[in-house]
Each structure stands twice: as structure tokens, then as C-alpha cells.
Amino acid sequence: MGEFDIGAPLAPNEPPPVVVDGKSYNFQVFARDTIFNEGTQYAAVQSFASLLGPDMGAIPTGGVSRALIEAGY
């Protein structure tokens, strides 16, 4: 993951995965970002920072982004 500059993994993710609106998400918290994927789509890893877009300074109030924050911290 060095090419993406997300830093070192901080801890292993604990089962069960995050579930939002009936969809499950696996995730891994790193020093500079959290990566995640939906269900078993392991090749479709996404960045938590990309979910926030222009609202990066705001704390999400719901959805996948809020669930990932709660599960990761």
C-alpha cells in the first residue's frame, strides 16, 4: 500500500463487517486513511477519504462513511 501513501495499518479489522442498508463492508484502518470494500468485491477497494470528497472537514451524520468511523474508532 506504499504507493497510495495511506501509512501503516493501525489494527486488524474485527468481524463482523460493517452493515449499512443491508450491504456489508469489510474495512481496514490505516494511519492516513481507511480502505474498504463492499461484500466480497475484494478487487473493488475504496478509500474512505474519497467518500467524503469536498466535505472532508465535516463529520458524516449517516451512511457508509459514518458507519466506518464508528466501527474503526
N, C-alpha and C. Protein backbone atom coordinates (compact mmCIF):
# COMPACT_ATOMS: atom_id res chain seq x y z
N MET A 1 0.80 -1.20 0.00
CA MET A 1 0.00 0.00 0.00
C MET A 1 0.85 1.27 0.00
N GLY A 2 2.15 1.14 -0.05
CA GLY A 2 3.02 2.30 -0.05
C GLY A 2 2.77 3.25 -1.20
N GLU A 3 2.35 2.72 -2.33
CA GLU A 3 2.11 3.58 -3.49
C GLU A 3 0.93 4.52 -3.28
N PHE A 4 0.05 4.22 -2.32
CA PHE A 4 -1.13 5.07 -2.08
C PHE A 4 -0.93 6.01 -0.90
N ASP A 5 0.19 5.91 -0.20
CA ASP A 5 0.55 6.80 0.90
C ASP A 5 -0.54 6.85 1.98
N ILE A 6 -1.03 5.67 2.40
CA ILE A 6 -2.04 5.64 3.44
C ILE A 6 -1.46 5.33 4.82
N GLY A 7 -0.14 5.10 4.87
CA GLY A 7 0.51 4.84 6.14
C GLY A 7 0.39 3.38 6.56
N ALA A 8 0.77 3.14 7.79
CA ALA A 8 0.79 1.77 8.33
C ALA A 8 -0.60 1.37 8.82
N PRO A 9 -0.91 0.07 8.77
CA PRO A 9 -2.17 -0.38 9.35
C PRO A 9 -2.11 -0.19 10.86
N LEU A 10 -3.21 0.27 11.45
CA LEU A 10 -3.22 0.55 12.89
C LEU A 10 -3.69 -0.64 13.71
N ALA A 11 -4.58 -1.44 13.18
CA ALA A 11 -5.08 -2.62 13.89
C ALA A 11 -5.85 -3.48 12.90
N PRO A 12 -5.96 -4.77 13.20
CA PRO A 12 -6.77 -5.61 12.31
C PRO A 12 -8.24 -5.25 12.46
N ASN A 13 -9.00 -5.42 11.38
CA ASN A 13 -10.44 -5.18 11.49
C ASN A 13 -11.07 -6.39 12.17
N GLU A 14 -12.05 -6.13 12.98
CA GLU A 14 -12.72 -7.18 13.72
C GLU A 14 -14.03 -7.58 13.03
N PRO A 15 -14.31 -8.88 12.98
CA PRO A 15 -15.61 -9.28 12.45
C PRO A 15 -16.68 -8.92 13.47
N PRO A 16 -17.91 -8.74 13.13
CA PRO A 16 -18.42 -8.82 11.76
C PRO A 16 -18.12 -7.54 11.00
N PRO A 17 -18.26 -7.59 9.69
CA PRO A 17 -18.05 -6.36 8.92
C PRO A 17 -19.14 -5.34 9.22
N VAL A 18 -18.96 -4.13 8.75
CA VAL A 18 -19.95 -3.07 8.90
C VAL A 18 -21.13 -3.38 7.97
N VAL A 19 -22.35 -3.22 8.47
CA VAL A 19 -23.54 -3.45 7.65
C VAL A 19 -24.34 -2.16 7.60
N VAL A 20 -24.62 -1.68 6.39
CA VAL A 20 -25.40 -0.46 6.18
C VAL A 20 -26.42 -0.74 5.09
N ASP A 21 -27.68 -0.50 5.38
CA ASP A 21 -28.77 -0.71 4.41
C ASP A 21 -28.73 -2.11 3.78
N GLY A 22 -28.42 -3.11 4.59
CA GLY A 22 -28.40 -4.49 4.12
C GLY A 22 -27.17 -4.91 3.35
N LYS A 23 -26.20 -4.01 3.18
CA LYS A 23 -24.95 -4.33 2.49
C LYS A 23 -23.83 -4.40 3.53
N SER A 24 -22.93 -5.37 3.39
CA SER A 24 -21.81 -5.49 4.32
C SER A 24 -20.55 -4.92 3.70
N TYR A 25 -19.70 -4.36 4.55
CA TYR A 25 -18.46 -3.72 4.12
C TYR A 25 -17.32 -4.21 5.00
N ASN A 26 -16.25 -4.68 4.38
CA ASN A 26 -15.02 -5.01 5.09
C ASN A 26 -14.17 -3.76 5.09
N PHE A 27 -13.38 -3.56 6.13
CA PHE A 27 -12.56 -2.35 6.19
C PHE A 27 -11.26 -2.60 6.94
N GLN A 28 -10.29 -1.72 6.72
CA GLN A 28 -9.01 -1.75 7.41
C GLN A 28 -8.58 -0.31 7.66
N VAL A 29 -8.32 0.01 8.92
CA VAL A 29 -7.90 1.36 9.29
C VAL A 29 -6.39 1.48 9.14
N PHE A 30 -5.94 2.50 8.43
CA PHE A 30 -4.53 2.81 8.27
C PHE A 30 -4.27 4.18 8.89
N ALA A 31 -3.02 4.57 9.01
CA ALA A 31 -2.66 5.83 9.66
C ALA A 31 -3.26 7.05 8.97
N ARG A 32 -3.34 7.05 7.65
CA ARG A 32 -3.80 8.23 6.93
C ARG A 32 -5.13 8.06 6.22
N ASP A 33 -5.71 6.87 6.25
CA ASP A 33 -6.98 6.63 5.56
C ASP A 33 -7.53 5.29 6.03
N THR A 34 -8.73 5.00 5.65
CA THR A 34 -9.35 3.70 5.87
C THR A 34 -9.76 3.18 4.50
N ILE A 35 -9.41 1.93 4.24
CA ILE A 35 -9.82 1.33 2.97
C ILE A 35 -10.96 0.35 3.26
N PHE A 36 -11.83 0.16 2.27
CA PHE A 36 -12.97 -0.72 2.47
C PHE A 36 -13.44 -1.28 1.13
N ASN A 37 -14.22 -2.35 1.21
CA ASN A 37 -14.85 -2.92 0.03
C ASN A 37 -16.22 -3.44 0.43
N GLU A 38 -17.11 -3.48 -0.55
CA GLU A 38 -18.46 -3.98 -0.30
C GLU A 38 -18.48 -5.49 -0.50
N GLY A 39 -19.05 -6.19 0.47
CA GLY A 39 -19.24 -7.64 0.38
C GLY A 39 -17.98 -8.39 0.04
N THR A 40 -18.05 -9.17 -1.04
CA THR A 40 -16.89 -9.97 -1.46
C THR A 40 -16.21 -9.37 -2.69
N GLN A 41 -16.44 -8.10 -2.95
CA GLN A 41 -15.80 -7.43 -4.09
C GLN A 41 -14.40 -6.97 -3.68
N TYR A 42 -13.52 -7.92 -3.47
CA TYR A 42 -12.18 -7.64 -2.94
C TYR A 42 -11.32 -6.82 -3.88
N ALA A 43 -11.58 -6.86 -5.16
CA ALA A 43 -10.80 -6.08 -6.12
C ALA A 43 -11.30 -4.64 -6.22
N ALA A 44 -12.43 -4.34 -5.60
CA ALA A 44 -13.03 -3.00 -5.68
C ALA A 44 -12.82 -2.24 -4.37
N VAL A 45 -11.58 -2.19 -3.93
CA VAL A 45 -11.26 -1.48 -2.69
C VAL A 45 -11.40 0.02 -2.90
N GLN A 46 -12.00 0.68 -1.92
CA GLN A 46 -12.22 2.12 -2.00
C GLN A 46 -11.53 2.81 -0.83
N SER A 47 -11.37 4.09 -0.95
CA SER A 47 -10.75 4.92 0.08
C SER A 47 -11.85 5.68 0.82
N PHE A 48 -11.76 5.69 2.15
CA PHE A 48 -12.71 6.46 2.95
C PHE A 48 -12.65 7.94 2.58
N ALA A 49 -11.46 8.46 2.37
CA ALA A 49 -11.31 9.88 2.01
C ALA A 49 -12.07 10.21 0.73
N SER A 50 -12.14 9.26 -0.20
CA SER A 50 -12.86 9.52 -1.45
C SER A 50 -14.37 9.62 -1.22
N LEU A 51 -14.88 9.00 -0.17
CA LEU A 51 -16.31 9.12 0.16
C LEU A 51 -16.66 10.53 0.59
N LEU A 52 -15.74 11.17 1.29
CA LEU A 52 -16.02 12.48 1.85
C LEU A 52 -15.95 13.59 0.83
N GLY A 53 -15.10 13.45 -0.16
CA GLY A 53 -14.98 14.46 -1.22
C GLY A 53 -14.76 15.85 -0.66
N PRO A 54 -15.52 16.84 -1.14
CA PRO A 54 -15.32 18.22 -0.69
C PRO A 54 -15.71 18.46 0.77
N ASP A 55 -16.43 17.52 1.39
CA ASP A 55 -16.84 17.66 2.78
C ASP A 55 -15.84 17.00 3.74
N MET A 56 -14.58 16.89 3.34
CA MET A 56 -13.60 16.16 4.13
C MET A 56 -13.46 16.70 5.55
N GLY A 57 -13.74 17.96 5.79
CA GLY A 57 -13.62 18.52 7.13
C GLY A 57 -14.84 18.29 8.00
N ALA A 58 -15.92 17.77 7.43
CA ALA A 58 -17.16 17.56 8.18
C ALA A 58 -17.29 16.11 8.63
N ILE A 59 -17.85 15.90 9.80
CA ILE A 59 -18.11 14.55 10.29
C ILE A 59 -19.42 14.07 9.68
N PRO A 60 -19.40 12.93 8.98
CA PRO A 60 -20.62 12.44 8.35
C PRO A 60 -21.69 12.10 9.40
N THR A 61 -22.94 12.33 9.07
CA THR A 61 -24.02 12.06 10.01
C THR A 61 -24.70 10.72 9.76
N GLY A 62 -24.41 10.08 8.64
CA GLY A 62 -25.03 8.79 8.36
C GLY A 62 -24.37 8.10 7.20
N GLY A 63 -24.94 6.97 6.80
CA GLY A 63 -24.44 6.22 5.66
C GLY A 63 -23.18 5.42 5.95
N VAL A 64 -22.57 4.95 4.88
CA VAL A 64 -21.38 4.11 4.99
C VAL A 64 -20.24 4.86 5.68
N SER A 65 -20.04 6.12 5.33
CA SER A 65 -18.92 6.86 5.91
C SER A 65 -19.04 6.97 7.43
N ARG A 66 -20.24 7.23 7.95
CA ARG A 66 -20.43 7.32 9.40
C ARG A 66 -20.24 5.95 10.06
N ALA A 67 -20.75 4.90 9.43
CA ALA A 67 -20.60 3.55 9.97
C ALA A 67 -19.14 3.14 10.03
N LEU A 68 -18.35 3.51 9.03
CA LEU A 68 -16.91 3.19 9.05
C LEU A 68 -16.19 3.94 10.17
N ILE A 69 -16.55 5.18 10.41
CA ILE A 69 -15.95 5.93 11.51
C ILE A 69 -16.27 5.24 12.84
N GLU A 70 -17.53 4.91 13.04
CA GLU A 70 -17.94 4.29 14.30
C GLU A 70 -17.25 2.95 14.51
N ALA A 71 -17.15 2.14 13.47
CA ALA A 71 -16.53 0.82 13.59
C ALA A 71 -15.02 0.90 13.76
N GLY A 72 -14.40 1.89 13.13
CA GLY A 72 -12.94 2.00 13.17
C GLY A 72 -12.39 2.67 14.41
N TYR A 73 -13.24 3.41 15.11
CA TYR A 73 -12.76 4.14 16.27
C TYR A 73 -13.65 3.89 17.45
